[in-house]
Protein backbone atom coordinates (compact mmCIF):
# COMPACT_ATOMS: atom_id res chain seq x y z
CA UNK A 1 -6.29 8.86 -3.18
CA UNK A 2 -4.79 6.40 -5.67
CA UNK A 3 -2.78 8.26 -8.32
CA UNK A 4 -1.82 5.22 -10.40
CA UNK A 5 -2.08 1.45 -10.20
CA UNK A 6 -0.80 -1.36 -12.38
CA UNK A 7 -0.07 -5.07 -12.43
CA UNK A 8 3.40 -6.49 -13.03
CA UNK A 9 4.71 -10.00 -13.50
CA UNK A 10 7.17 -11.49 -11.04
CA UNK A 11 9.81 -8.94 -9.95
CA UNK A 12 13.47 -9.90 -9.51
CA UNK A 13 15.55 -6.71 -9.33
CA UNK A 14 18.92 -6.14 -7.68
CA UNK A 15 20.73 -2.80 -7.90
CA UNK A 16 24.00 -1.81 -6.22
CA UNK A 17 25.61 1.62 -6.45
CA UNK A 18 28.65 1.97 -4.23
CA UNK A 19 27.64 0.98 -0.69
CA UNK A 20 23.92 1.44 -1.45
CA UNK A 21 21.91 -1.56 -2.62
CA UNK A 22 18.30 -2.65 -3.05
CA UNK A 23 16.67 -5.97 -3.85
CA UNK A 24 13.03 -6.62 -4.73
CA UNK A 25 12.07 -10.23 -5.31
CA UNK A 26 8.43 -11.31 -5.58
CA UNK A 27 6.87 -14.70 -6.01
CA UNK A 28 4.27 -14.30 -8.75
CA UNK A 29 2.45 -11.22 -10.09
CA UNK A 30 2.00 -8.07 -7.99
CA UNK A 31 -0.11 -4.95 -8.04
CA UNK A 32 1.81 -1.69 -7.63
CA UNK A 33 0.03 1.46 -6.49
CA UNK A 34 1.04 5.10 -6.02
CA UNK A 35 -1.13 6.92 -3.49
CA UNK A 36 -1.31 10.33 -1.89
CA UNK A 37 -2.69 10.42 1.65
CA UNK A 38 -3.50 13.55 3.62
CA UNK A 39 -3.94 13.63 7.36
CA UNK A 40 -5.03 16.66 9.37
CA UNK A 41 -2.77 17.62 12.31
CA UNK A 42 -3.51 15.20 15.15
CA UNK A 43 -5.34 12.86 12.76
CA UNK A 44 -4.63 9.18 12.11
CA UNK A 45 -5.46 6.26 9.84
CA UNK A 46 -6.20 3.90 12.72
CA UNK A 47 -4.81 0.41 13.05
CA UNK A 48 -4.39 -1.15 9.59
CA UNK A 49 -2.15 -3.45 7.57
CA UNK A 50 -0.81 -3.69 4.02
CA UNK A 51 -0.62 -6.73 1.73
CA UNK A 52 3.02 -5.84 1.00
CA UNK A 53 5.65 -3.23 1.81
CA UNK A 54 4.90 0.50 1.61
CA UNK A 55 7.48 3.14 0.78
CA UNK A 56 6.49 6.39 2.48
CA UNK A 57 7.68 9.98 1.98
CA UNK A 58 6.49 12.67 4.40
CA UNK A 59 5.71 15.71 2.26
CA UNK A 60 5.13 18.30 5.00
CA UNK A 61 5.16 18.67 8.78
CA UNK A 62 6.10 15.55 10.80
CA UNK A 63 4.44 12.15 10.96
CA UNK A 64 4.64 9.52 13.69
CA UNK A 65 4.51 5.85 12.74
CA UNK A 66 3.88 2.96 15.12
CA UNK A 67 4.90 -0.67 14.70
CA UNK A 68 2.56 -2.97 16.54
CA UNK A 69 0.08 -1.70 19.08
CA UNK A 70 2.65 -0.22 21.45
CA UNK A 71 3.67 3.42 21.49
CA UNK A 72 7.13 2.16 22.49
CA UNK A 73 7.79 1.39 18.82
CA UNK A 74 7.05 4.90 17.56
CA UNK A 75 9.16 6.61 14.92
CA UNK A 76 8.80 10.26 13.95
CA UNK A 77 9.54 11.20 10.38
CA UNK A 78 10.08 14.89 9.55
CA UNK A 79 9.28 16.54 6.25
CA UNK A 80 11.16 15.01 3.29
CA UNK A 81 12.09 11.93 5.34
CA UNK A 82 11.22 8.48 4.08
CA UNK A 83 10.54 5.11 5.66
CA UNK A 84 9.08 1.70 4.94
CA UNK A 85 6.03 0.10 6.46
């Protein structure tokens, strides 16, 4: 379910706080979206892709994410953990 969506012009943001830093640099306009996805235990979204990066927070239980089609690249994320796709 999409909670909010909006368009932004080119993004060029760099933030550094102590040892932590982030950089987001786009080429042209982008669409930003905030979504909430629910999956039943044992469920899945199936193989899919995104037009850009996704920032994910696991709200409850544990989720397993796969990179590529191999289960060798699996990563489990417990509740309150975050990752990027």
